[in-house]
Amino acid sequence: MPHYAQGTTGWTKLDAYQALWDPKISLGKFYFTTFQGNRLETPYMDASNFARVVDILRNEEPVYGNASTGSVTTATEDIGEEES
């Protein structure tokens, strides 16, 4: 499998992440660690977007990230496939 989401640019497979929520400004951001060991900072995002990204990072695998936008995506799964 490639180390980027097919048909896109700026995406790379993530091995780890760090989430940072700043209550003083009510915004959060992430530091993505790529499969190559690079650490990439995302832009700040509001609480609802931050929560969505955290949910995907915690519950899906593999996850691909685009640090320039703070976006994440997953690999294609067959319909009905259960989590193990």
PDB file of N, CA and C in Angstrom:
ATOM      1  N   MET A   1       0.845  -1.174   0.000  1.00  0.00           N
ATOM      2  CA  MET A   1       0.000   0.000   0.000  1.00  0.00           C
ATOM      3  C   MET A   1       0.895   1.243   0.000  1.00  0.00           C
ATOM      4  N   PRO A   2       0.514   2.273  -0.763  1.00  0.00           N
ATOM      5  CA  PRO A   2       1.331   3.484  -0.790  1.00  0.00           C
ATOM      6  C   PRO A   2       1.267   4.211   0.550  1.00  0.00           C
ATOM      7  N   HIS A   3       2.222   5.088   0.773  1.00  0.00           N
ATOM      8  CA  HIS A   3       2.271   5.859   2.009  1.00  0.00           C
ATOM      9  C   HIS A   3       1.615   7.225   1.835  1.00  0.00           C
ATOM     10  N   TYR A   4       0.603   7.301   0.990  1.00  0.00           N
ATOM     11  CA  TYR A   4      -0.176   8.513   0.795  1.00  0.00           C
ATOM     12  C   TYR A   4      -1.550   8.084   0.325  1.00  0.00           C
ATOM     13  N   ALA A   5      -2.547   8.921   0.555  1.00  0.00           N
ATOM     14  CA  ALA A   5      -3.894   8.615   0.084  1.00  0.00           C
ATOM     15  C   ALA A   5      -3.921   8.772  -1.431  1.00  0.00           C
ATOM     16  N   GLN A   6      -4.358   7.748  -2.135  1.00  0.00           N
ATOM     17  CA  GLN A   6      -4.325   7.769  -3.593  1.00  0.00           C
ATOM     18  C   GLN A   6      -5.197   8.893  -4.153  1.00  0.00           C
ATOM     19  N   GLY A   7      -4.723   9.518  -5.214  1.00  0.00           N
ATOM     20  CA  GLY A   7      -5.469  10.560  -5.894  1.00  0.00           C
ATOM     21  C   GLY A   7      -5.409  11.916  -5.214  1.00  0.00           C
ATOM     22  N   THR A   8      -4.534  12.065  -4.254  1.00  0.00           N
ATOM     23  CA  THR A   8      -4.439  13.334  -3.545  1.00  0.00           C
ATOM     24  C   THR A   8      -2.987  13.781  -3.471  1.00  0.00           C
ATOM     25  N   THR A   9      -2.777  15.005  -3.057  1.00  0.00           N
ATOM     26  CA  THR A   9      -1.422  15.493  -2.828  1.00  0.00           C
ATOM     27  C   THR A   9      -1.343  16.041  -1.409  1.00  0.00           C
ATOM     28  N   GLY A  10      -0.161  16.038  -0.834  1.00  0.00           N
ATOM     29  CA  GLY A  10       0.040  16.565   0.501  1.00  0.00           C
ATOM     30  C   GLY A  10      -0.304  15.601   1.618  1.00  0.00           C
ATOM     31  N   TRP A  11      -0.653  14.374   1.282  1.00  0.00           N
ATOM     32  CA  TRP A  11      -1.051  13.380   2.281  1.00  0.00           C
ATOM     33  C   TRP A  11       0.097  12.416   2.537  1.00  0.00           C
ATOM     34  N   THR A  12       0.236  11.982   3.782  1.00  0.00           N
ATOM     35  CA  THR A  12       1.239  11.002   4.140  1.00  0.00           C
ATOM     36  C   THR A  12       0.712  10.120   5.261  1.00  0.00           C
ATOM     37  N   LYS A  13       1.188   8.897   5.298  1.00  0.00           N
ATOM     38  CA  LYS A  13       0.767   7.960   6.342  1.00  0.00           C
ATOM     39  C   LYS A  13       1.306   8.427   7.691  1.00  0.00           C
ATOM     40  N   LEU A  14       0.430   8.392   8.701  1.00  0.00           N
ATOM     41  CA  LEU A  14       0.816   8.832  10.037  1.00  0.00           C
ATOM     42  C   LEU A  14       1.140   7.646  10.926  1.00  0.00           C
ATOM     43  N   ASP A  15       2.232   7.763  11.662  1.00  0.00           N
ATOM     44  CA  ASP A  15       2.599   6.742  12.646  1.00  0.00           C
ATOM     45  C   ASP A  15       2.183   7.148  14.047  1.00  0.00           C
ATOM     46  N   ALA A  16       2.094   8.440  14.308  1.00  0.00           N
ATOM     47  CA  ALA A  16       1.744   8.923  15.643  1.00  0.00           C
ATOM     48  C   ALA A  16       1.247  10.359  15.529  1.00  0.00           C
ATOM     49  N   TYR A  17       0.698  10.835  16.642  1.00  0.00           N
ATOM     50  CA  TYR A  17       0.267  12.225  16.684  1.00  0.00           C
ATOM     51  C   TYR A  17       0.339  12.733  18.114  1.00  0.00           C
ATOM     52  N   GLN A  18       0.378  14.048  18.248  1.00  0.00           N
ATOM     53  CA  GLN A  18       0.248  14.720  19.532  1.00  0.00           C
ATOM     54  C   GLN A  18      -0.850  15.751  19.365  1.00  0.00           C
ATOM     55  N   ALA A  19      -1.803  15.752  20.287  1.00  0.00           N
ATOM     56  CA  ALA A  19      -2.897  16.716  20.258  1.00  0.00           C
ATOM     57  C   ALA A  19      -2.629  17.805  21.281  1.00  0.00           C
ATOM     58  N   LEU A  20      -2.872  19.050  20.895  1.00  0.00           N
ATOM     59  CA  LEU A  20      -2.676  20.182  21.786  1.00  0.00           C
ATOM     60  C   LEU A  20      -3.951  21.022  21.791  1.00  0.00           C
ATOM     61  N   TRP A  21      -4.597  21.146  22.959  1.00  0.00           N
ATOM     62  CA  TRP A  21      -5.773  22.009  23.097  1.00  0.00           C
ATOM     63  C   TRP A  21      -5.387  23.174  23.997  1.00  0.00           C
ATOM     64  N   ASP A  22      -5.627  24.397  23.543  1.00  0.00           N
ATOM     65  CA  ASP A  22      -5.299  25.593  24.308  1.00  0.00           C
ATOM     66  C   ASP A  22      -6.597  26.228  24.813  1.00  0.00           C
ATOM     67  N   PRO A  23      -6.938  26.043  26.103  1.00  0.00           N
ATOM     68  CA  PRO A  23      -8.197  26.579  26.621  1.00  0.00           C
ATOM     69  C   PRO A  23      -8.237  28.103  26.671  1.00  0.00           C
ATOM     70  N   LYS A  24      -7.089  28.760  26.657  1.00  0.00           N
ATOM     71  CA  LYS A  24      -7.068  30.223  26.685  1.00  0.00           C
ATOM     72  C   LYS A  24      -7.658  30.824  25.412  1.00  0.00           C
ATOM     73  N   ILE A  25      -7.490  30.116  24.290  1.00  0.00           N
ATOM     74  CA  ILE A  25      -7.998  30.625  23.018  1.00  0.00           C
ATOM     75  C   ILE A  25      -9.072  29.725  22.418  1.00  0.00           C
ATOM     76  N   SER A  26      -9.402  28.630  23.108  1.00  0.00           N
ATOM     77  CA  SER A  26     -10.424  27.657  22.654  1.00  0.00           C
ATOM     78  C   SER A  26     -10.140  27.136  21.253  1.00  0.00           C
ATOM     79  N   LEU A  27      -8.871  26.806  20.995  1.00  0.00           N
ATOM     80  CA  LEU A  27      -8.460  26.225  19.725  1.00  0.00           C
ATOM     81  C   LEU A  27      -7.463  25.106  19.994  1.00  0.00           C
ATOM     82  N   GLY A  28      -7.400  24.160  19.064  1.00  0.00           N
ATOM     83  CA  GLY A  28      -6.461  23.064  19.185  1.00  0.00           C
ATOM     84  C   GLY A  28      -5.727  22.832  17.884  1.00  0.00           C
ATOM     85  N   LYS A  29      -4.612  22.114  17.982  1.00  0.00           N
ATOM     86  CA  LYS A  29      -3.864  21.729  16.788  1.00  0.00           C
ATOM     87  C   LYS A  29      -3.175  20.399  17.065  1.00  0.00           C
ATOM     88  N   PHE A  30      -2.596  19.827  16.035  1.00  0.00           N
ATOM     89  CA  PHE A  30      -1.941  18.535  16.123  1.00  0.00           C
ATOM     90  C   PHE A  30      -0.512  18.626  15.617  1.00  0.00           C
ATOM     91  N   TYR A  31       0.287  17.706  16.101  1.00  0.00           N
ATOM     92  CA  TYR A  31       1.605  17.442  15.541  1.00  0.00           C
ATOM     93  C   TYR A  31       1.553  16.019  15.023  1.00  0.00           C
ATOM     94  N   PHE A  32       1.603  15.867  13.710  1.00  0.00           N
ATOM     95  CA  PHE A  32       1.583  14.551  13.076  1.00  0.00           C
ATOM     96  C   PHE A  32       3.010  14.046  12.940  1.00  0.00           C
ATOM     97  N   THR A  33       3.231  12.777  13.276  1.00  0.00           N
ATOM     98  CA  THR A  33       4.511  12.123  13.009  1.00  0.00           C
ATOM     99  C   THR A  33       4.292  11.180  11.845  1.00  0.00           C
ATOM    100  N   THR A  34       5.004  11.412  10.757  1.00  0.00           N
ATOM    101  CA  THR A  34       4.822  10.617   9.550  1.00  0.00           C
ATOM    102  C   THR A  34       5.564   9.295   9.643  1.00  0.00           C
ATOM    103  N   PHE A  35       5.284   8.414   8.693  1.00  0.00           N
ATOM    104  CA  PHE A  35       5.964   7.114   8.638  1.00  0.00           C
ATOM    105  C   PHE A  35       7.464   7.291   8.442  1.00  0.00           C
ATOM    106  N   GLN A  36       7.887   8.467   7.973  1.00  0.00           N
ATOM    107  CA  GLN A  36       9.315   8.755   7.778  1.00  0.00           C
ATOM    108  C   GLN A  36       9.957   9.372   9.017  1.00  0.00           C
ATOM    109  N   GLY A  37       9.164   9.585  10.071  1.00  0.00           N
ATOM    110  CA  GLY A  37       9.690  10.169  11.300  1.00  0.00           C
ATOM    111  C   GLY A  37       9.661  11.684  11.341  1.00  0.00           C
ATOM    112  N   ASN A  38       9.066  12.331  10.340  1.00  0.00           N
ATOM    113  CA  ASN A  38       8.963  13.794  10.333  1.00  0.00           C
ATOM    114  C   ASN A  38       7.817  14.232  11.226  1.00  0.00           C
ATOM    115  N   ARG A  39       8.010  15.340  11.916  1.00  0.00           N
ATOM    116  CA  ARG A  39       6.974  15.894  12.787  1.00  0.00           C
ATOM    117  C   ARG A  39       6.432  17.150  12.129  1.00  0.00           C
ATOM    118  N   LEU A  40       5.125  17.149  11.841  1.00  0.00           N
ATOM    119  CA  LEU A  40       4.500  18.239  11.100  1.00  0.00           C
ATOM    120  C   LEU A  40       3.394  18.869  11.932  1.00  0.00           C
ATOM    121  N   GLU A  41       3.363  20.191  11.982  1.00  0.00           N
ATOM    122  CA  GLU A  41       2.369  20.932  12.763  1.00  0.00           C
ATOM    123  C   GLU A  41       1.186  21.323  11.880  1.00  0.00           C
ATOM    124  N   THR A  42      -0.032  21.156  12.394  1.00  0.00           N
ATOM    125  CA  THR A  42      -1.240  21.563  11.675  1.00  0.00           C
ATOM    126  C   THR A  42      -1.635  22.971  12.095  1.00  0.00           C
ATOM    127  N   PRO A  43      -2.525  23.588  11.341  1.00  0.00           N
ATOM    128  CA  PRO A  43      -3.083  24.867  11.790  1.00  0.00           C
ATOM    129  C   PRO A  43      -4.002  24.633  12.998  1.00  0.00           C
ATOM    130  N   TYR A  44      -4.309  25.703  13.738  1.00  0.00           N
ATOM    131  CA  TYR A  44      -5.297  25.620  14.812  1.00  0.00           C
ATOM    132  C   TYR A  44      -6.678  25.353  14.220  1.00  0.00           C
ATOM    133  N   MET A  45      -7.529  24.681  14.995  1.00  0.00           N
ATOM    134  CA  MET A  45      -8.904  24.413  14.575  1.00  0.00           C
ATOM    135  C   MET A  45      -9.840  24.566  15.767  1.00  0.00           C
ATOM    136  N   ASP A  46     -11.132  24.781  15.472  1.00  0.00           N
ATOM    137  CA  ASP A  46     -12.105  24.959  16.540  1.00  0.00           C
ATOM    138  C   ASP A  46     -12.430  23.611  17.207  1.00  0.00           C
ATOM    139  N   ALA A  47     -13.205  23.663  18.276  1.00  0.00           N
ATOM    140  CA  ALA A  47     -13.475  22.478  19.105  1.00  0.00           C
ATOM    141  C   ALA A  47     -14.155  21.352  18.331  1.00  0.00           C
ATOM    142  N   SER A  48     -15.125  21.664  17.488  1.00  0.00           N
ATOM    143  CA  SER A  48     -15.840  20.586  16.786  1.00  0.00           C
ATOM    144  C   SER A  48     -14.934  19.883  15.777  1.00  0.00           C
ATOM    145  N   ASN A  49     -14.131  20.626  15.043  1.00  0.00           N
ATOM    146  CA  ASN A  49     -13.203  19.992  14.101  1.00  0.00           C
ATOM    147  C   ASN A  49     -12.102  19.230  14.830  1.00  0.00           C
ATOM    148  N   PHE A  50     -11.619  19.786  15.934  1.00  0.00           N
ATOM    149  CA  PHE A  50     -10.601  19.124  16.736  1.00  0.00           C
ATOM    150  C   PHE A  50     -11.116  17.768  17.224  1.00  0.00           C
ATOM    151  N   ALA A  51     -12.347  17.729  17.723  1.00  0.00           N
ATOM    152  CA  ALA A  51     -12.944  16.483  18.216  1.00  0.00           C
ATOM    153  C   ALA A  51     -13.103  15.451  17.105  1.00  0.00           C
ATOM    154  N   ARG A  52     -13.480  15.884  15.911  1.00  0.00           N
ATOM    155  CA  ARG A  52     -13.623  14.956  14.773  1.00  0.00           C
ATOM    156  C   ARG A  52     -12.283  14.329  14.403  1.00  0.00           C
ATOM    157  N   VAL A  53     -11.242  15.159  14.367  1.00  0.00           N
ATOM    158  CA  VAL A  53      -9.914  14.644  14.009  1.00  0.00           C
ATOM    159  C   VAL A  53      -9.417  13.673  15.081  1.00  0.00           C
ATOM    160  N   VAL A  54      -9.598  14.013  16.357  1.00  0.00           N
ATOM    161  CA  VAL A  54      -9.200  13.115  17.442  1.00  0.00           C
ATOM    162  C   VAL A  54      -9.905  11.770  17.303  1.00  0.00           C
ATOM    163  N   ASP A  55     -11.196  11.791  17.003  1.00  0.00           N
ATOM    164  CA  ASP A  55     -11.963  10.550  16.861  1.00  0.00           C
ATOM    165  C   ASP A  55     -11.389   9.667  15.756  1.00  0.00           C
ATOM    166  N   ILE A  56     -11.083  10.233  14.621  1.00  0.00           N
ATOM    167  CA  ILE A  56     -10.513   9.453  13.519  1.00  0.00           C
ATOM    168  C   ILE A  56      -9.136   8.929  13.892  1.00  0.00           C
ATOM    169  N   LEU A  57      -8.301   9.768  14.483  1.00  0.00           N
ATOM    170  CA  LEU A  57      -6.955   9.333  14.853  1.00  0.00           C
ATOM    171  C   LEU A  57      -6.985   8.191  15.872  1.00  0.00           C
ATOM    172  N   ARG A  58      -7.934   8.228  16.792  1.00  0.00           N
ATOM    173  CA  ARG A  58      -8.022   7.195  17.829  1.00  0.00           C
ATOM    174  C   ARG A  58      -8.614   5.884  17.328  1.00  0.00           C
ATOM    175  N   ASN A  59      -9.556   5.959  16.375  1.00  0.00           N
ATOM    176  CA  ASN A  59     -10.367   4.789  16.054  1.00  0.00           C
ATOM    177  C   ASN A  59     -10.134   4.156  14.690  1.00  0.00           C
ATOM    178  N   GLU A  60      -9.343   4.760  13.861  1.00  0.00           N
ATOM    179  CA  GLU A  60      -9.129   4.225  12.514  1.00  0.00           C
ATOM    180  C   GLU A  60      -7.664   3.877  12.301  1.00  0.00           C
ATOM    181  N   GLU A  61      -7.432   2.970  11.373  1.00  0.00           N
ATOM    182  CA  GLU A  61      -6.068   2.601  11.021  1.00  0.00           C
ATOM    183  C   GLU A  61      -6.066   1.928   9.658  1.00  0.00           C
ATOM    184  N   PRO A  62      -5.190   2.241   8.776  1.00  0.00           N
ATOM    185  CA  PRO A  62      -4.203   3.322   8.860  1.00  0.00           C
ATOM    186  C   PRO A  62      -4.857   4.673   8.637  1.00  0.00           C
ATOM    187  N   VAL A  63      -4.192   5.714   9.097  1.00  0.00           N
ATOM    188  CA  VAL A  63      -4.669   7.085   8.920  1.00  0.00           C
ATOM    189  C   VAL A  63      -3.609   7.852   8.142  1.00  0.00           C
ATOM    190  N   TYR A  64      -4.088   8.670   7.212  1.00  0.00           N
ATOM    191  CA  TYR A  64      -3.231   9.542   6.419  1.00  0.00           C
ATOM    192  C   TYR A  64      -3.564  10.977   6.794  1.00  0.00           C
ATOM    193  N   GLY A  65      -2.558  11.832   6.870  1.00  0.00           N
ATOM    194  CA  GLY A  65      -2.786  13.215   7.266  1.00  0.00           C
ATOM    195  C   GLY A  65      -2.216  14.203   6.282  1.00  0.00           C
ATOM    196  N   ASN A  66      -2.817  15.366   6.257  1.00  0.00           N
ATOM    197  CA  ASN A  66      -2.329  16.496   5.479  1.00  0.00           C
ATOM    198  C   ASN A  66      -2.117  17.630   6.476  1.00  0.00           C
ATOM    199  N   ALA A  67      -0.883  17.823   6.901  1.00  0.00           N
ATOM    200  CA  ALA A  67      -0.573  18.787   7.953  1.00  0.00           C
ATOM    201  C   ALA A  67      -0.861  20.224   7.538  1.00  0.00           C
ATOM    202  N   SER A  68      -0.780  20.539   6.256  1.00  0.00           N
ATOM    203  CA  SER A  68      -1.009  21.920   5.835  1.00  0.00           C
ATOM    204  C   SER A  68      -2.460  22.350   6.054  1.00  0.00           C
ATOM    205  N   THR A  69      -3.384  21.395   6.075  1.00  0.00           N
ATOM    206  CA  THR A  69      -4.796  21.706   6.286  1.00  0.00           C
ATOM    207  C   THR A  69      -5.340  21.145   7.598  1.00  0.00           C
ATOM    208  N   GLY A  70      -4.614  20.219   8.224  1.00  0.00           N
ATOM    209  CA  GLY A  70      -5.105  19.554   9.428  1.00  0.00           C
ATOM    210  C   GLY A  70      -6.108  18.458   9.122  1.00  0.00           C
ATOM    211  N   SER A  71      -6.174  18.047   7.866  1.00  0.00           N
ATOM    212  CA  SER A  71      -7.129  17.029   7.439  1.00  0.00           C
ATOM    213  C   SER A  71      -6.585  15.628   7.658  1.00  0.00           C
ATOM    214  N   VAL A  72      -7.493  14.668   7.874  1.00  0.00           N
ATOM    215  CA  VAL A  72      -7.127  13.264   7.975  1.00  0.00           C
ATOM    216  C   VAL A  72      -8.078  12.438   7.124  1.00  0.00           C
ATOM    217  N   THR A  73      -7.589  11.286   6.689  1.00  0.00           N
ATOM    218  CA  THR A  73      -8.414  10.353   5.928  1.00  0.00           C
ATOM    219  C   THR A  73      -7.970   8.938   6.277  1.00  0.00           C
ATOM    220  N   THR A  74      -8.804   7.980   5.935  1.00  0.00           N
ATOM    221  CA  THR A  74      -8.493   6.586   6.208  1.00  0.00           C
ATOM    222  C   THR A  74      -8.379   5.820   4.909  1.00  0.00           C
ATOM    223  N   ALA A  75      -7.912   4.585   5.016  1.00  0.00           N
ATOM    224  CA  ALA A  75      -7.851   3.712   3.860  1.00  0.00           C
ATOM    225  C   ALA A  75      -9.253   3.168   3.571  1.00  0.00           C
ATOM    226  N   THR A  76      -9.478   2.715   2.379  1.00  0.00           N
ATOM    227  CA  THR A  76     -10.760   2.147   1.989  1.00  0.00           C
ATOM    228  C   THR A  76     -11.031   0.870   2.771  1.00  0.00           C
ATOM    229  N   GLU A  77     -12.268   0.743   3.278  1.00  0.00           N
ATOM    230  CA  GLU A  77     -12.691  -0.474   3.964  1.00  0.00           C
ATOM    231  C   GLU A  77     -13.902  -1.033   3.243  1.00  0.00           C
ATOM    232  N   ASP A  78     -14.020  -2.361   3.219  1.00  0.00           N
ATOM    233  CA  ASP A  78     -15.186  -2.991   2.646  1.00  0.00           C
ATOM    234  C   ASP A  78     -16.404  -2.734   3.527  1.00  0.00           C
ATOM    235  N   ILE A  79     -17.569  -2.619   2.927  1.00  0.00           N
ATOM    236  CA  ILE A  79     -18.803  -2.415   3.675  1.00  0.00           C
ATOM    237  C   ILE A  79     -19.046  -3.649   4.543  1.00  0.00           C
ATOM    238  N   GLY A  80     -19.375  -3.406   5.800  1.00  0.00           N
ATOM    239  CA  GLY A  80     -19.655  -4.514   6.723  1.00  0.00           C
ATOM    240  C   GLY A  80     -18.426  -5.034   7.422  1.00  0.00           C
ATOM    241  N   GLU A  81     -17.250  -4.519   7.107  1.00  0.00           N
ATOM    242  CA  GLU A  81     -16.051  -4.979   7.770  1.00  0.00           C
ATOM    243  C   GLU A  81     -16.078  -4.533   9.224  1.00  0.00           C
ATOM    244  N   GLU A  82     -15.824  -5.474  10.129  1.00  0.00           N
ATOM    245  CA  GLU A  82     -15.876  -5.149  11.552  1.00  0.00           C
ATOM    246  C   GLU A  82     -14.488  -4.828  12.062  1.00  0.00           C
ATOM    247  N   GLU A  83     -14.454  -3.971  13.075  1.00  0.00           N
ATOM    248  CA  GLU A  83     -13.200  -3.627  13.700  1.00  0.00           C
ATOM    249  C   GLU A  83     -12.712  -4.824  14.514  1.00  0.00           C
ATOM    250  N   SER A  84     -11.417  -5.032  14.543  1.00  0.00           N
ATOM    251  CA  SER A  84     -10.884  -6.151  15.312  1.00  0.00           C
ATOM    252  C   SER A  84     -10.220  -5.673  16.573  1.00  0.00           C
TER     253      SER A  84
END
